[in-house]
Protein backbone atom coordinates (compact mmCIF):
# COMPACT_ATOMS: atom_id res chain seq x y z
CA UNK A 1 53.14 -32.36 24.74
CA UNK A 2 52.13 -28.76 24.33
CA UNK A 3 50.41 -28.56 20.54
CA UNK A 4 52.04 -26.49 18.07
CA UNK A 5 50.24 -23.18 17.29
CA UNK A 6 48.37 -23.03 14.60
CA UNK A 7 49.77 -20.52 12.13
CA UNK A 8 48.40 -18.33 9.19
CA UNK A 9 49.53 -17.82 5.33
CA UNK A 10 50.43 -14.87 4.82
CA UNK A 11 47.78 -14.23 2.55
CA UNK A 12 44.98 -14.89 4.92
CA UNK A 13 47.12 -12.48 7.26
CA UNK A 14 46.24 -9.66 4.96
CA UNK A 15 42.94 -10.53 4.62
CA UNK A 16 41.67 -10.01 7.99
CA UNK A 17 43.57 -7.02 8.55
CA UNK A 18 42.03 -6.22 5.26
CA UNK A 19 38.64 -6.65 6.75
CA UNK A 20 39.57 -5.13 9.95
CA UNK A 21 40.90 -1.74 8.61
CA UNK A 22 37.56 -1.64 6.62
CA UNK A 23 34.90 -2.18 9.58
CA UNK A 24 37.00 0.38 10.99
CA UNK A 25 36.81 2.68 8.35
CA UNK A 26 32.81 2.21 7.66
CA UNK A 27 32.34 2.47 11.36
CA UNK A 28 33.99 6.21 11.79
CA UNK A 29 32.33 6.98 7.97
CA UNK A 30 29.19 6.04 9.76
CA UNK A 31 29.02 7.94 12.91
CA UNK A 32 29.89 10.97 10.43
CA UNK A 33 26.95 10.41 8.74
CA UNK A 34 25.14 10.27 12.29
CA UNK A 35 25.40 13.96 12.33
CA UNK A 36 23.67 14.48 8.82
CA UNK A 37 20.15 15.71 8.52
CA UNK A 38 17.57 12.91 8.46
CA UNK A 39 16.08 12.15 5.04
CA UNK A 40 12.27 12.82 5.23
CA UNK A 41 11.41 10.84 1.78
CA UNK A 42 14.03 7.92 2.49
CA UNK A 43 12.51 4.36 3.56
CA UNK A 44 14.26 1.44 3.94
CA UNK A 45 12.97 -1.73 3.83
CA UNK A 46 14.63 -5.60 5.06
CA UNK A 47 12.94 -8.98 4.69
CA UNK A 48 13.98 -12.59 6.26
CA UNK A 49 17.20 -11.17 7.22
CA UNK A 50 18.12 -9.76 4.15
CA UNK A 51 16.79 -12.55 1.97
CA UNK A 52 15.37 -9.64 -0.99
CA UNK A 53 11.73 -8.32 -1.71
CA UNK A 54 9.31 -10.09 0.42
CA UNK A 55 6.33 -10.79 2.95
CA UNK A 56 4.79 -7.88 4.34
CA UNK A 57 7.86 -4.86 3.81
CA UNK A 58 7.30 -5.71 0.34
CA UNK A 59 3.67 -5.92 0.17
CA UNK A 60 4.01 -1.97 2.12
CA UNK A 61 6.80 -1.15 0.03
CA UNK A 62 4.57 -1.53 -3.16
CA UNK A 63 1.57 -0.03 -1.79
CA UNK A 64 3.83 2.91 -0.61
CA UNK A 65 4.88 3.60 -4.09
CA UNK A 66 1.74 4.15 -4.86
CA UNK A 67 -0.05 6.29 -2.22
CA UNK A 68 2.87 8.13 -1.22
CA UNK A 69 5.26 8.34 -4.13
CA UNK A 70 7.95 10.78 -2.97
CA UNK A 71 8.83 8.33 -0.38
CA UNK A 72 11.53 6.41 -1.52
CA UNK A 73 11.72 2.87 -1.12
CA UNK A 74 15.65 1.47 -0.49
CA UNK A 75 16.12 -2.39 0.31
CA UNK A 76 18.53 -4.30 2.45
CA UNK A 77 20.12 -7.41 0.68
CA UNK A 78 22.51 -9.88 1.40
CA UNK A 79 25.92 -10.02 -1.18
CA UNK A 80 24.44 -14.19 -1.11
CA UNK A 81 21.29 -12.73 -2.60
CA UNK A 82 21.71 -10.28 -4.51
CA UNK A 83 20.44 -11.93 -7.39
CA UNK A 84 16.90 -12.34 -6.08
CA UNK A 85 16.52 -8.42 -6.22
CA UNK A 86 13.84 -7.67 -8.99
CA UNK A 87 15.12 -5.91 -11.96
CA UNK A 88 14.13 -1.75 -11.24
CA UNK A 89 14.41 -2.54 -7.87
CA UNK A 90 16.86 -0.25 -5.63
CA UNK A 91 19.24 -1.92 -3.25
CA UNK A 92 22.17 -2.13 -1.11
CA UNK A 93 24.37 -4.57 0.10
CA UNK A 94 24.45 -5.30 3.65
CA UNK A 95 27.39 -3.80 5.55
CA UNK A 96 28.61 -1.56 2.91
CA UNK A 97 29.38 1.82 2.66
CA UNK A 98 25.79 2.50 0.65
CA UNK A 99 24.03 0.38 3.62
CA UNK A 100 25.63 2.57 6.32
CA UNK A 101 25.13 6.04 4.65
CA UNK A 102 20.94 4.45 4.16
CA UNK A 103 20.71 3.66 7.99
CA UNK A 104 21.58 6.69 9.07
CA UNK A 105 20.10 8.94 7.16
CA UNK A 106 16.23 7.32 6.57
CA UNK A 107 13.78 8.79 8.12
CA UNK A 108 11.42 5.43 7.99
CA UNK A 109 12.56 1.65 8.33
CA UNK A 110 10.70 -1.43 7.73
CA UNK A 111 11.64 -4.93 8.32
CA UNK A 112 10.16 -8.30 9.11
CA UNK A 113 12.73 -9.35 11.10
CA UNK A 114 16.21 -7.28 12.08
CA UNK A 115 18.55 -4.81 10.11
CA UNK A 116 22.01 -6.02 10.62
CA UNK A 117 25.43 -4.75 12.08
CA UNK A 118 23.66 -3.38 15.54
CA UNK A 119 22.47 0.66 13.41
CA UNK A 120 22.61 3.45 16.18
CA UNK A 121 18.34 4.68 15.92
CA UNK A 122 18.35 8.33 15.74
CA UNK A 123 15.75 10.86 17.12
CA UNK A 124 13.44 11.16 14.17
CA UNK A 125 13.62 7.86 12.41
CA UNK A 126 10.30 5.48 13.11
CA UNK A 127 10.90 1.77 12.91
CA UNK A 128 7.95 -0.61 11.75
CA UNK A 129 8.35 -3.80 13.03
CA UNK A 130 6.20 -6.07 10.44
CA UNK A 131 6.55 -9.72 12.02
CA UNK A 132 6.70 -12.53 9.79
CA UNK A 133 3.53 -14.74 10.87
CA UNK A 134 1.05 -15.41 13.14
CA UNK A 135 2.70 -17.34 16.53
CA UNK A 136 1.96 -21.37 17.26
CA UNK A 137 5.45 -21.83 18.52
CA UNK A 138 6.84 -19.88 21.82
CA UNK A 139 8.40 -16.30 20.52
CA UNK A 140 10.87 -14.26 22.11
CA UNK A 141 11.19 -14.32 25.87
CA UNK A 142 8.86 -17.36 26.14
CA UNK A 143 12.06 -19.41 24.71
CA UNK A 144 13.55 -18.55 28.32
CA UNK A 145 11.33 -22.00 28.84
CA UNK A 146 13.31 -23.81 27.06
CA UNK A 147 17.08 -24.44 27.75
CA UNK A 148 17.90 -25.54 24.49
CA UNK A 149 16.68 -22.36 22.62
CA UNK A 150 17.26 -20.32 25.99
CA UNK A 151 21.39 -21.49 25.32
CA UNK A 152 21.82 -19.50 21.73
CA UNK A 153 20.05 -17.13 22.27
CA UNK A 154 20.94 -13.24 23.42
CA UNK A 155 17.30 -12.16 25.30
CA UNK A 156 19.48 -8.95 26.10
CA UNK A 157 19.76 -8.49 22.50
CA UNK A 158 15.97 -8.82 21.77
CA UNK A 159 15.02 -6.69 24.19
CA UNK A 160 17.50 -3.72 22.60
CA UNK A 161 15.95 -4.85 19.21
CA UNK A 162 12.75 -4.07 20.78
CA UNK A 163 13.31 -1.22 22.23
CA UNK A 164 14.19 0.46 18.78
CA UNK A 165 10.60 -0.58 17.47
CA UNK A 166 7.71 2.28 16.59
CA UNK A 167 4.55 0.48 15.35
CA UNK A 168 4.56 -3.72 15.69
CA UNK A 169 1.87 -4.54 13.42
CA UNK A 170 -0.44 -7.95 13.90
CA UNK A 171 -2.88 -9.48 11.95
CA UNK A 172 -4.83 -10.88 15.19
CA UNK A 173 -6.04 -9.94 18.61
CA UNK A 174 -3.74 -13.71 19.49
CA UNK A 175 -0.82 -12.36 17.53
CA UNK A 176 -1.02 -9.31 19.51
CA UNK A 177 -1.10 -10.52 23.07
CA UNK A 178 2.51 -12.67 22.00
CA UNK A 179 3.94 -9.98 20.70
CA UNK A 180 2.79 -7.84 24.39
CA UNK A 181 4.44 -10.45 26.39
CA UNK A 182 7.00 -11.66 24.84
CA UNK A 183 8.41 -8.15 23.24
CA UNK A 184 7.80 -6.07 25.67
CA UNK A 185 8.45 -2.28 24.85
CA UNK A 186 6.95 1.25 24.71
CA UNK A 187 5.71 0.72 20.54
CA UNK A 188 2.26 1.43 19.28
CA UNK A 189 0.15 -2.05 18.68
CA UNK A 190 -0.36 -1.46 14.55
CA UNK A 191 -4.15 -4.09 14.67
CA UNK A 192 -4.13 -3.40 10.87
CA UNK A 193 -4.01 -7.12 9.45
CA UNK A 194 -1.22 -8.55 7.48
CA UNK A 195 -0.23 -6.50 4.02
CA UNK A 196 0.79 -9.78 2.37
CA UNK A 197 -2.33 -11.05 2.87
CA UNK A 198 -3.77 -8.22 0.55
CA UNK A 199 -3.40 -11.01 -2.43
CA UNK A 200 -5.88 -13.52 -1.20
CA UNK A 201 -8.85 -10.64 -1.53
CA UNK A 202 -7.68 -9.24 -4.41
CA UNK A 203 -6.08 -11.58 -6.96
CA UNK A 204 -8.51 -12.34 -10.04
CA UNK A 205 -9.25 -15.73 -11.50
CA UNK A 206 -7.33 -14.88 -14.87
CA UNK A 207 -4.41 -14.28 -12.23
CA UNK A 208 -5.01 -17.32 -10.52
CA UNK A 209 -4.73 -19.49 -13.39
CA UNK A 210 -2.02 -17.40 -14.82
CA UNK A 211 0.23 -18.48 -11.53
CA UNK A 212 -0.81 -22.15 -11.85
CA UNK A 213 0.09 -22.32 -15.93
CA UNK A 214 3.56 -20.88 -14.72
CA UNK A 215 4.06 -23.62 -12.47
CA UNK A 216 3.19 -26.51 -15.03
CA UNK A 217 -0.21 -27.21 -13.32
CA UNK A 218 -2.41 -29.15 -16.21
CA UNK A 219 -6.27 -28.24 -16.89
CA UNK A 220 -8.14 -30.11 -13.83
CA UNK A 221 -5.23 -31.24 -11.38
CA UNK A 222 -5.75 -30.87 -8.20
CA UNK A 223 -2.13 -28.99 -6.44
CA UNK A 224 -1.50 -29.40 -3.11
CA UNK A 225 0.72 -27.45 -1.40
CA UNK A 226 3.35 -28.96 1.00
CA UNK A 227 4.96 -26.66 3.01
CA UNK A 228 6.42 -27.84 6.02
CA UNK A 229 8.53 -26.01 8.91
CA UNK A 230 11.62 -25.75 10.13
CA UNK A 231 12.10 -27.80 13.35
CA UNK A 232 15.07 -26.39 15.82
CA UNK A 233 15.66 -30.03 16.88
CA UNK A 234 16.76 -31.33 12.98
CA UNK A 235 19.31 -30.54 10.76
CA UNK A 236 18.55 -30.29 7.12
CA UNK A 237 15.34 -30.29 5.32
CA UNK A 238 13.77 -34.09 6.85
CA UNK A 239 10.07 -33.90 5.59
CA UNK A 240 7.50 -36.21 7.59
CA UNK A 241 6.02 -37.35 4.27
CA UNK A 242 7.59 -38.70 0.59
CA UNK A 243 6.22 -36.24 -1.39
CA UNK A 244 6.53 -38.73 -4.08
CA UNK A 245 5.15 -41.70 -2.69
CA UNK A 246 2.09 -39.08 -1.85
CA UNK A 247 1.78 -38.04 -5.46
CA UNK A 248 1.71 -42.22 -6.47
CA UNK A 249 -1.14 -42.80 -4.22
CA UNK A 250 -3.26 -40.08 -4.97
CA UNK A 251 -2.87 -40.74 -9.02
CA UNK A 252 -2.29 -38.71 -11.79
CA UNK A 253 -5.23 -35.84 -11.12
CA UNK A 254 -3.16 -34.51 -8.80
CA UNK A 255 0.18 -32.88 -8.03
CA UNK A 256 2.66 -31.93 -5.17
CA UNK A 257 4.55 -28.66 -5.10
CA UNK A 258 7.27 -29.12 -2.16
CA UNK A 259 8.53 -25.82 -0.34
CA UNK A 260 10.80 -26.36 1.81
CA UNK A 261 11.61 -23.72 4.52
CA UNK A 262 13.45 -20.79 3.87
CA UNK A 263 16.09 -21.72 6.56
CA UNK A 264 17.15 -25.23 4.01
CA UNK A 265 18.54 -23.03 1.41
CA UNK A 266 16.41 -23.11 -2.46
CA UNK A 267 16.00 -26.23 -2.88
CA UNK A 268 13.76 -29.30 -0.82
CA UNK A 269 16.44 -31.76 -2.52
CA UNK A 270 15.93 -35.02 -3.08
CA UNK A 271 11.90 -35.17 -1.37
CA UNK A 272 11.11 -33.17 -5.08
CA UNK A 273 12.98 -35.10 -7.55
CA UNK A 274 12.15 -38.83 -9.10
CA UNK A 275 8.21 -37.46 -10.22
CA UNK A 276 6.83 -35.95 -13.26
CA UNK A 277 3.93 -34.68 -10.42
CA UNK A 278 5.92 -33.22 -7.70
CA UNK A 279 7.15 -29.61 -7.97
CA UNK A 280 10.06 -28.31 -5.69
CA UNK A 281 9.24 -25.12 -5.37
CA UNK A 282 10.78 -24.00 -2.43
CA UNK A 283 12.83 -21.24 -5.29
CA UNK A 284 9.78 -19.40 -6.08
CA UNK A 285 10.27 -15.69 -4.68
CA UNK A 286 6.36 -15.37 -4.21
CA UNK A 287 5.00 -17.90 -1.86
CA UNK A 288 1.96 -16.19 -2.16
CA UNK A 289 2.10 -17.13 -5.71
CA UNK A 290 2.08 -20.98 -4.35
CA UNK A 291 -1.05 -20.23 -1.94
CA UNK A 292 -3.34 -18.77 -4.90
CA UNK A 293 -1.91 -21.14 -7.34
CA UNK A 294 -2.77 -24.49 -4.66
CA UNK A 295 -6.20 -26.15 -4.10
CA UNK A 296 -5.07 -27.12 -0.61
CA UNK A 297 -2.60 -26.51 1.59
CA UNK A 298 -0.56 -29.26 3.32
CA UNK A 299 1.51 -28.39 6.47
CA UNK A 300 2.35 -28.99 9.74
CA UNK A 301 3.52 -25.78 12.51
CA UNK A 302 4.09 -23.60 9.57
CA UNK A 303 2.79 -20.09 10.01
CA UNK A 304 1.55 -20.46 6.19
CA UNK A 305 -1.66 -22.10 7.51
CA UNK A 306 -2.65 -18.93 8.80
CA UNK A 307 -1.99 -16.71 5.88
CA UNK A 308 -3.65 -19.72 3.51
CA UNK A 309 -7.04 -19.91 5.82
CA UNK A 310 -7.42 -16.51 4.57
CA UNK A 311 -8.35 -18.31 1.11
CA UNK A 312 -10.71 -20.34 2.88
CA UNK A 313 -9.54 -23.47 1.16
CA UNK A 314 -8.94 -26.73 2.85
CA UNK A 315 -6.19 -27.32 5.36
CA UNK A 316 -4.67 -30.64 5.99
CA UNK A 317 -2.36 -30.09 9.00
CA UNK A 318 0.11 -33.43 8.73
CA UNK A 319 2.12 -33.48 12.02
CA UNK A 320 3.62 -36.78 13.28
CA UNK A 321 6.02 -35.40 15.41
CA UNK A 322 3.67 -32.71 16.95
CA UNK A 323 4.93 -34.11 20.45
CA UNK A 324 8.46 -33.67 20.06
CA UNK A 325 8.08 -30.41 18.55
CA UNK A 326 5.67 -28.92 21.26
CA UNK A 327 8.81 -30.61 23.67
CA UNK A 328 11.38 -29.07 22.12
CA UNK A 329 9.64 -25.49 20.90
CA UNK A 330 6.80 -25.12 22.57
CA UNK A 331 3.40 -24.37 21.92
CA UNK A 332 0.36 -22.02 22.19
CA UNK A 333 -2.66 -23.63 21.81
CA UNK A 334 -2.72 -27.43 20.23
CA UNK A 335 -2.97 -27.43 16.98
CA UNK A 336 -4.20 -31.19 16.81
CA UNK A 337 -6.93 -30.79 19.46
CA UNK A 338 -10.14 -30.76 16.95
CA UNK A 339 -11.41 -27.87 18.62
CA UNK A 340 -12.89 -25.30 16.35
CA UNK A 341 -10.52 -22.00 16.77
CA UNK A 342 -7.32 -24.29 17.39
CA UNK A 343 -7.92 -26.34 14.32
CA UNK A 344 -7.95 -25.28 11.15
CA UNK A 345 -9.26 -28.82 9.00
CA UNK A 346 -8.54 -32.68 9.20
CA UNK A 347 -5.59 -33.99 11.03
CA UNK A 348 -3.24 -36.88 10.03
CA UNK A 349 -0.22 -38.17 11.81
CA UNK A 350 0.75 -41.21 9.56
CA UNK A 351 1.32 -41.04 5.64
CA UNK A 352 -1.48 -43.37 4.84
CA UNK A 353 -3.71 -41.62 6.94
CA UNK A 354 -2.94 -38.47 4.86
CA UNK A 355 -3.75 -40.50 1.52
CA UNK A 356 -7.16 -41.05 2.61
CA UNK A 357 -7.89 -37.68 3.64
CA UNK A 358 -7.86 -36.97 -0.06
CA UNK A 359 -9.35 -40.16 -1.34
CA UNK A 360 -12.32 -40.24 0.81
CA UNK A 361 -12.66 -36.62 0.42
CA UNK A 362 -12.53 -35.78 4.25
CA UNK A 363 -10.16 -32.87 3.38
CA UNK A 364 -13.25 -30.76 1.89
CA UNK A 365 -15.87 -32.34 3.48
CA UNK A 366 -18.88 -29.76 5.83
CA UNK A 367 -16.76 -30.91 8.66
CA UNK A 368 -13.47 -29.46 7.67
CA UNK A 369 -15.30 -26.44 6.43
CA UNK A 370 -16.72 -26.00 9.65
CA UNK A 371 -13.07 -26.03 11.34
CA UNK A 372 -11.76 -24.00 8.72
CA UNK A 373 -14.25 -20.99 9.04
CA UNK A 374 -13.39 -21.00 12.71
CA UNK A 375 -10.13 -20.96 12.60
CA UNK A 376 -10.62 -18.06 10.30
CA UNK A 377 -12.53 -16.01 12.33
CA UNK A 378 -9.76 -16.43 15.13
CA UNK A 379 -6.98 -15.66 13.54
CA UNK A 380 -8.14 -13.26 10.16
CA UNK A 381 -9.92 -10.98 11.54
CA UNK A 382 -8.26 -7.87 10.50
CA UNK A 383 -7.07 -9.17 6.68
CA UNK A 384 -9.56 -8.25 4.11
CA UNK A 385 -7.94 -6.80 1.13
CA UNK A 386 -6.48 -3.17 2.10
CA UNK A 387 -4.08 -3.61 5.71
CA UNK A 388 -0.90 -2.27 3.14
CA UNK A 389 -2.92 0.80 3.00
CA UNK A 390 -4.09 1.32 6.15
CA UNK A 391 -0.26 0.99 7.22
CA UNK A 392 0.98 2.89 4.63
CA UNK A 393 -1.43 5.70 5.18
CA UNK A 394 -0.51 5.10 8.98
CA UNK A 395 3.60 4.76 9.32
CA UNK A 396 4.19 7.80 6.61
CA UNK A 397 1.36 10.13 8.20
CA UNK A 398 2.18 12.81 9.98
CA UNK A 399 2.16 12.78 13.56
CA UNK A 400 -1.00 14.33 13.80
CA UNK A 401 -2.75 12.57 10.85
CA UNK A 402 -1.92 8.97 12.90
CA UNK A 403 -3.57 10.47 15.81
CA UNK A 404 -7.04 11.27 14.03
CA UNK A 405 -6.89 7.40 12.49
């Protein structure tokens, strides 16, 4: 028996027609804006697929306001994240008329992911790709070797995006080597460090104390930041440890801060409820502030591991699903090997072993410190508190000035 075609209500049909007409009008106006002269003093910033002011673009924006104040910064944000915008920071909503006008006329473009909508990059526009982490998992064209990833990845679109870049930022030689291979293009390699990490070298003791107090961490408590990464083979935030149980086993001198990956929304959900010593910090606007507040990091394959190493504070790798993760996504080195330069500290694969690492003091032992030192030397060689300054002076400089740097 043939199926009856689904009928749309007059209201939904009218809304679809309205959206279609709006898109066509915006495209026509955008094409006209592409004939306008470029604004030499306009820079457009974006981060994490339009989630607001964050990461390397945020640090670059802040330093640009100091060093090149004539450059006007404008952020792209999605409508569902506009509440994240700090007061006084100019922004446009992705896909809006002001967004397309800005993308057509800005001279400078800065992003750690990509701008929405398939804009046309004009001669004279300069695009800085800052990235948003050191690659442990496979990225870009290397994902072709993993069928589950390759099926849902448009590699032609990736290459087209890379073709827009004028410069690619790197925080270590490992990243530069990976970016060159997985994102092949004619862009300049900027081995200048990650601006988002500057704060780890410049923050004062008073600023750190203020961050801890703002989170409600009591004086004398040891704060553990638990920040696992996203899993391609899981739906939703399913942590590999129970933070409430860990806090209970370690006692009142410890507090556990739970930071779920941003792919899962703004809350860690049930994992961070039911204990006064477990705090859900997923919605906190600045992960850098959480790192400053934490005495140690518990993580797995998150790029936060490489950033936190700048602080030279203990890192514990808790990775019970390493085999499954590596099989599903691939990895560039064995984080659990225990080799200096590969592993940043103690490694655990069970909740009991993780609790023991803290109870026995292994987390801050001389052996753990030696691993952390080797890890920092490999992955943080360019980070020194002045990365944002170097990037701003290079990217916003005239061509002849860039050649001399």
